[in-house]
Each structure stands twice: as C-alpha cells, then as structure tokens.
C-alpha atoms as a PDB file:
ATOM      1  CA  MET A   1      25.985 -94.490 102.867  1.00  0.00           C
ATOM      2  CA  ASN A   2      22.580 -94.424 101.342  1.00  0.00           C
ATOM      3  CA  LYS A   3      22.202 -92.468  98.083  1.00  0.00           C
ATOM      4  CA  GLY A   4      19.380 -90.341  99.559  1.00  0.00           C
ATOM      5  CA  ILE A   5      21.503 -89.382 102.583  1.00  0.00           C
ATOM      6  CA  LYS A   6      24.428 -88.380 100.353  1.00  0.00           C
ATOM      7  CA  LEU A   7      22.139 -86.171  98.269  1.00  0.00           C
ATOM      8  CA  SER A   8      20.663 -84.549 101.384  1.00  0.00           C
ATOM      9  CA  LEU A   9      24.109 -83.941 102.849  1.00  0.00           C
ATOM     10  CA  LEU A  10      25.315 -82.395  99.577  1.00  0.00           C
ATOM     11  CA  SER A  11      22.259 -80.107  99.472  1.00  0.00           C
ATOM     12  CA  ILE A  12      22.828 -78.925 103.035  1.00  0.00           C
ATOM     13  CA  ILE A  13      26.523 -78.207 102.424  1.00  0.00           C
ATOM     14  CA  THR A  14      25.698 -76.278  99.235  1.00  0.00           C
ATOM     15  CA  ALA A  15      23.058 -74.220 101.079  1.00  0.00           C
ATOM     16  CA  LEU A  16      25.498 -73.389 103.883  1.00  0.00           C
ATOM     17  CA  ILE A  17      28.264 -72.323 101.501  1.00  0.00           C
ATOM     18  CA  SER A  18      26.001 -70.204  99.304  1.00  0.00           C
ATOM     19  CA  GLY A  19      24.477 -68.557 102.372  1.00  0.00           C
ATOM     20  CA  CYS A  20      27.884 -67.133 103.280  1.00  0.00           C
ATOM     21  CA  VAL A  21      28.195 -65.033 100.134  1.00  0.00           C
ATOM     22  CA  PRO A  22      27.729 -61.334 101.037  1.00  0.00           C
ATOM     23  CA  LEU A  23      25.140 -59.223  99.271  1.00  0.00           C
ATOM     24  CA  PRO A  24      26.395 -56.640  96.747  1.00  0.00           C
ATOM     25  CA  PRO A  25      26.493 -53.036  97.963  1.00  0.00           C
ATOM     26  CA  PRO A  26      23.354 -50.971  97.218  1.00  0.00           C
ATOM     27  CA  GLN A  27      23.422 -49.033  93.961  1.00  0.00           C
ATOM     28  CA  ILE A  28      22.922 -45.281  94.092  1.00  0.00           C
ATOM     29  CA  ALA A  29      20.816 -43.751  91.322  1.00  0.00           C
ATOM     30  CA  THR A  30      22.835 -41.460  89.055  1.00  0.00           C
ATOM     31  CA  THR A  31      19.949 -39.767  87.227  1.00  0.00           C
ATOM     32  CA  PRO A  32      20.012 -35.992  87.556  1.00  0.00           C
ATOM     33  CA  PRO A  33      17.103 -34.344  89.359  1.00  0.00           C
ATOM     34  CA  LEU A  34      14.385 -32.817  87.220  1.00  0.00           C
ATOM     35  CA  ILE A  35      14.513 -29.038  87.119  1.00  0.00           C
ATOM     36  CA  GLY A  36      11.402 -26.906  86.825  1.00  0.00           C
ATOM     37  CA  SER A  37       7.810 -27.966  86.476  1.00  0.00           C
ATOM     38  CA  PRO A  38       6.657 -29.938  83.443  1.00  0.00           C
ATOM     39  CA  ILE A  39       3.830 -27.536  82.640  1.00  0.00           C
ATOM     40  CA  GLY A  40       4.283 -23.888  81.806  1.00  0.00           C
ATOM     41  CA  ASN A  41       7.989 -23.807  80.976  1.00  0.00           C
ATOM     42  CA  ASN A  42       8.050 -22.505  77.416  1.00  0.00           C
ATOM     43  CA  ASN A  43      11.716 -21.606  77.011  1.00  0.00           C
ATOM     44  CA  GLN A  44      11.918 -22.898  73.458  1.00  0.00           C
ATOM     45  CA  HIS A  45      14.682 -21.729  71.157  1.00  0.00           C
ATOM     46  CA  SER A  46      14.410 -21.117  67.434  1.00  0.00           C
ATOM     47  CA  ASN A  47      15.956 -24.499  66.571  1.00  0.00           C
ATOM     48  CA  GLY A  48      13.165 -26.411  68.366  1.00  0.00           C
ATOM     49  CA  LEU A  49      15.344 -27.341  71.359  1.00  0.00           C
ATOM     50  CA  ASN A  50      13.655 -27.218  74.719  1.00  0.00           C
ATOM     51  CA  SER A  51      15.798 -27.783  77.785  1.00  0.00           C
ATOM     52  CA  GLU A  52      13.289 -30.154  79.398  1.00  0.00           C
ATOM     53  CA  TYR A  53      11.751 -31.942  76.438  1.00  0.00           C
ATOM     54  CA  GLY A  54      14.667 -32.180  74.054  1.00  0.00           C
ATOM     55  CA  LYS A  55      14.734 -31.503  70.354  1.00  0.00           C
ATOM     56  CA  LYS A  56      11.455 -31.637  68.440  1.00  0.00           C
ATOM     57  CA  PRO A  57      11.459 -34.616  66.025  1.00  0.00           C
ATOM     58  CA  PHE A  58      11.854 -33.478  62.422  1.00  0.00           C
ATOM     59  CA  ASN A  59      11.483 -36.803  60.554  1.00  0.00           C
ATOM     60  CA  TYR A  60       8.764 -38.160  62.832  1.00  0.00           C
ATOM     61  CA  ARG A  61       6.611 -39.460  59.957  1.00  0.00           C
ATOM     62  CA  SER A  62       9.294 -41.746  58.540  1.00  0.00           C
ATOM     63  CA  SER A  63      10.366 -42.813  62.049  1.00  0.00           C
ATOM     64  CA  ILE A  64       6.800 -43.840  62.898  1.00  0.00           C
ATOM     65  CA  LYS A  65       6.355 -45.715  59.617  1.00  0.00           C
ATOM     66  CA  ASN A  66       9.621 -47.595  60.175  1.00  0.00           C
ATOM     67  CA  TYR A  67       8.635 -48.395  63.759  1.00  0.00           C
ATOM     68  CA  PHE A  68       5.207 -49.766  62.816  1.00  0.00           C
ATOM     69  CA  SER A  69       6.538 -51.709  59.831  1.00  0.00           C
ATOM     70  CA  SER A  70       8.265 -54.008  62.311  1.00  0.00           C
ATOM     71  CA  THR A  71       5.693 -54.015  65.128  1.00  0.00           C
ATOM     72  CA  VAL A  72       2.308 -54.198  63.347  1.00  0.00           C
ATOM     73  CA  LEU A  73       1.245 -56.911  60.903  1.00  0.00           C
ATOM     74  CA  HIS A  74       1.277 -55.419  57.365  1.00  0.00           C
ATOM     75  CA  GLY A  75       2.571 -52.124  58.824  1.00  0.00           C
ATOM     76  CA  LYS A  76       4.603 -51.311  55.702  1.00  0.00           C
ATOM     77  CA  GLU A  77       1.452 -51.089  53.582  1.00  0.00           C
ATOM     78  CA  GLY A  78      -0.620 -49.283  56.231  1.00  0.00           C
ATOM     79  CA  GLU A  79      -2.332 -45.911  55.942  1.00  0.00           C
ATOM     80  CA  PHE A  80      -1.028 -43.410  58.475  1.00  0.00           C
ATOM     81  CA  HIS A  81      -2.416 -40.123  59.756  1.00  0.00           C
ATOM     82  CA  PHE A  82      -0.261 -37.899  61.946  1.00  0.00           C
ATOM     83  CA  SER A  83      -0.728 -34.898  64.202  1.00  0.00           C
ATOM     84  CA  GLU A  84       1.988 -32.352  64.823  1.00  0.00           C
ATOM     85  CA  PRO A  85       4.452 -33.279  67.608  1.00  0.00           C
ATOM     86  CA  LYS A  86       3.426 -32.045  71.052  1.00  0.00           C
ATOM     87  CA  ARG A  87       5.401 -31.869  74.251  1.00  0.00           C
ATOM     88  CA  ALA A  88       4.359 -34.436  76.840  1.00  0.00           C
ATOM     89  CA  TYR A  89       5.597 -36.303  79.867  1.00  0.00           C
ATOM     90  CA  LYS A  90       4.801 -39.659  81.440  1.00  0.00           C
ATOM     91  CA  ARG A  91       4.721 -40.413  85.132  1.00  0.00           C
ATOM     92  CA  LYS A  92       5.564 -43.647  86.863  1.00  0.00           C
ATOM     93  CA  GLY A  93       2.645 -45.290  88.642  1.00  0.00           C
ATOM     94  CA  TYR A  94       1.811 -44.008  92.101  1.00  0.00           C
ATOM     95  CA  ALA A  95       2.950 -47.342  93.502  1.00  0.00           C
ATOM     96  CA  TYR A  96       6.415 -46.410  92.163  1.00  0.00           C
ATOM     97  CA  GLY A  97       6.382 -42.879  93.585  1.00  0.00           C
ATOM     98  CA  GLY A  98       4.603 -41.045  90.756  1.00  0.00           C
ATOM     99  CA  GLU A  99       7.817 -39.404  89.541  1.00  0.00           C
ATOM    100  CA  VAL A 100       8.300 -38.285  85.948  1.00  0.00           C
ATOM    101  CA  ALA A 101       9.642 -41.278  84.010  1.00  0.00           C
ATOM    102  CA  TRP A 102       9.892 -39.718  80.530  1.00  0.00           C
ATOM    103  CA  LYS A 103       9.804 -36.240  78.965  1.00  0.00           C
ATOM    104  CA  GLY A 104       9.813 -35.601  75.272  1.00  0.00           C
ATOM    105  CA  TRP A 105       7.590 -35.236  72.248  1.00  0.00           C
ATOM    106  CA  MET A 106       4.421 -37.154  71.418  1.00  0.00           C
ATOM    107  CA  VAL A 107       2.666 -37.634  68.062  1.00  0.00           C
ATOM    108  CA  ASP A 108      -0.955 -38.771  67.832  1.00  0.00           C
ATOM    109  CA  THR A 109      -1.074 -41.318  65.027  1.00  0.00           C
ATOM    110  CA  SER A 110      -3.702 -43.559  63.509  1.00  0.00           C
ATOM    111  CA  VAL A 111      -2.770 -46.686  61.572  1.00  0.00           C
ATOM    112  CA  ALA A 112      -5.080 -48.640  59.262  1.00  0.00           C
ATOM    113  CA  THR A 113      -3.751 -51.959  57.993  1.00  0.00           C
ATOM    114  CA  GLN A 114      -4.973 -54.762  55.779  1.00  0.00           C
ATOM    115  CA  SER A 115      -6.026 -58.133  57.113  1.00  0.00           C
ATOM    116  CA  ARG A 116      -4.647 -61.377  55.718  1.00  0.00           C
ATOM    117  CA  THR A 117      -7.563 -61.532  53.275  1.00  0.00           C
ATOM    118  CA  GLY A 118      -6.846 -58.016  51.979  1.00  0.00           C
ATOM    119  CA  ARG A 119      -9.708 -56.172  53.687  1.00  0.00           C
ATOM    120  CA  TRP A 120      -8.841 -52.883  55.355  1.00  0.00           C
ATOM    121  CA  ARG A 121      -9.226 -52.800  59.111  1.00  0.00           C
ATOM    122  CA  SER A 122     -10.436 -49.668  60.843  1.00  0.00           C
ATOM    123  CA  ALA A 123      -7.701 -47.292  61.933  1.00  0.00           C
ATOM    124  CA  GLU A 124      -6.331 -47.757  65.438  1.00  0.00           C
ATOM    125  CA  PRO A 125      -5.143 -44.686  67.368  1.00  0.00           C
ATOM    126  CA  TYR A 126      -1.675 -44.653  68.904  1.00  0.00           C
ATOM    127  CA  MET A 127       0.317 -42.155  70.923  1.00  0.00           C
ATOM    128  CA  VAL A 128       3.948 -42.400  69.808  1.00  0.00           C
ATOM    129  CA  LEU A 129       6.550 -41.093  72.260  1.00  0.00           C
ATOM    130  CA  PHE A 130       9.829 -39.642  71.016  1.00  0.00           C
ATOM    131  CA  SER A 131      13.168 -38.750  72.492  1.00  0.00           C
ATOM    132  CA  GLY A 132      14.799 -36.658  69.781  1.00  0.00           C
ATOM    133  CA  GLU A 133      14.301 -38.563  66.509  1.00  0.00           C
ATOM    134  CA  GLN A 134      14.052 -41.951  68.255  1.00  0.00           C
ATOM    135  CA  VAL A 135      10.699 -43.658  68.953  1.00  0.00           C
ATOM    136  CA  VAL A 136      10.670 -44.590  72.630  1.00  0.00           C
ATOM    137  CA  GLU A 137       7.253 -46.204  72.974  1.00  0.00           C
ATOM    138  CA  SER A 138       3.860 -46.476  71.324  1.00  0.00           C
ATOM    139  CA  ILE A 139       0.683 -46.571  73.394  1.00  0.00           C
ATOM    140  CA  LEU A 140      -2.551 -47.877  71.908  1.00  0.00           C
ATOM    141  CA  GLY A 141      -5.428 -45.420  72.353  1.00  0.00           C
ATOM    142  CA  ASN A 142      -6.057 -41.681  72.601  1.00  0.00           C
ATOM    143  CA  SER A 143      -5.349 -41.246  76.306  1.00  0.00           C
ATOM    144  CA  HIS A 144      -3.395 -42.768  79.150  1.00  0.00           C
ATOM    145  CA  LYS A 145      -3.742 -42.004  82.859  1.00  0.00           C
ATOM    146  CA  LEU A 146      -0.020 -41.454  83.340  1.00  0.00           C
ATOM    147  CA  LEU A 147       0.659 -39.528  80.102  1.00  0.00           C
ATOM    148  CA  ILE A 148       0.167 -35.759  80.287  1.00  0.00           C
ATOM    149  CA  LYS A 149       0.110 -33.637  77.120  1.00  0.00           C
ATOM    150  CA  VAL A 150       1.621 -30.216  77.727  1.00  0.00           C
ATOM    151  CA  ASP A 151       0.660 -28.718  74.345  1.00  0.00           C
ATOM    152  CA  ARG A 152      -3.076 -29.102  73.833  1.00  0.00           C
END
C-alpha cells in the first residue's frame, strides 16, 4: 500500500476509537451558598472575626511588603503607604452570572519604587485583597467595577 493511504487509514481508525470514549460525568459545585447580604451585616466580634468576611488581617503591612517584593521590580526597597483594612467583596463578571466571587478584607496601598537608574518612580495605587492573613490578589488602581468596598 501507498504510504499516504496507510497514514490516512491510521488516522481514521484512531479517530473512530477515540470517538468511542464516553465523556466524564458532570461535576457538581460543592461551594456553600452565601448567607446574608454583603452590605449592612455588621455582626463583628471583639476578636475581629466576621462570619462573612473572615478574620481581619493583623500583619497586613508585612504581608503586602513580602508580596510586592516578589511581584514588583525593586519591591523590597520600595516606599509603601497603607490604609486600614476594610471589608470588601468582588463579583464575577455579569457574563459569568455576577455572583460574589470573593469576600474578605481590602487594603488600599501605594508603592513607589526605584528605576534601574536609581530614580524614584511616582507611587502606584493598588488594592490588595486578603483572606485572613494571606494576600489573594492585588489590583492596580483605586477602583474596580466588580470590587465593592463595604466600609467606606
């Protein structure tokens, strides 16, 4: 047989065999439903624990500095300015249903770093999202359409 015919025949047989493999069963989401509304639920205990937003970060300054030391060029030597942690939540995009994707604490931060020549760059604002003491995400800027600050 011709080499091209053998290759075509092999491709067809492979396609037929792989087409017979059944699809895996659908996965059911195991995330618990969100209870209560994100705004206006101020049941905070004396230890800073809020049932919806978790524990308020205590060492947020050092966590942010450690986070930016690995994500921003010359982040270890940067100048940081911090606000107090505020409760916030972030929604998924409306194309994904608009559900709440994250709830926790947010710290407004500005970071000024040096360039390669040693000149200081102007400070860039970031919104740093926390879950407990762990940095979840940093968003460049002062606002985001899907991020809602509960404490103003």
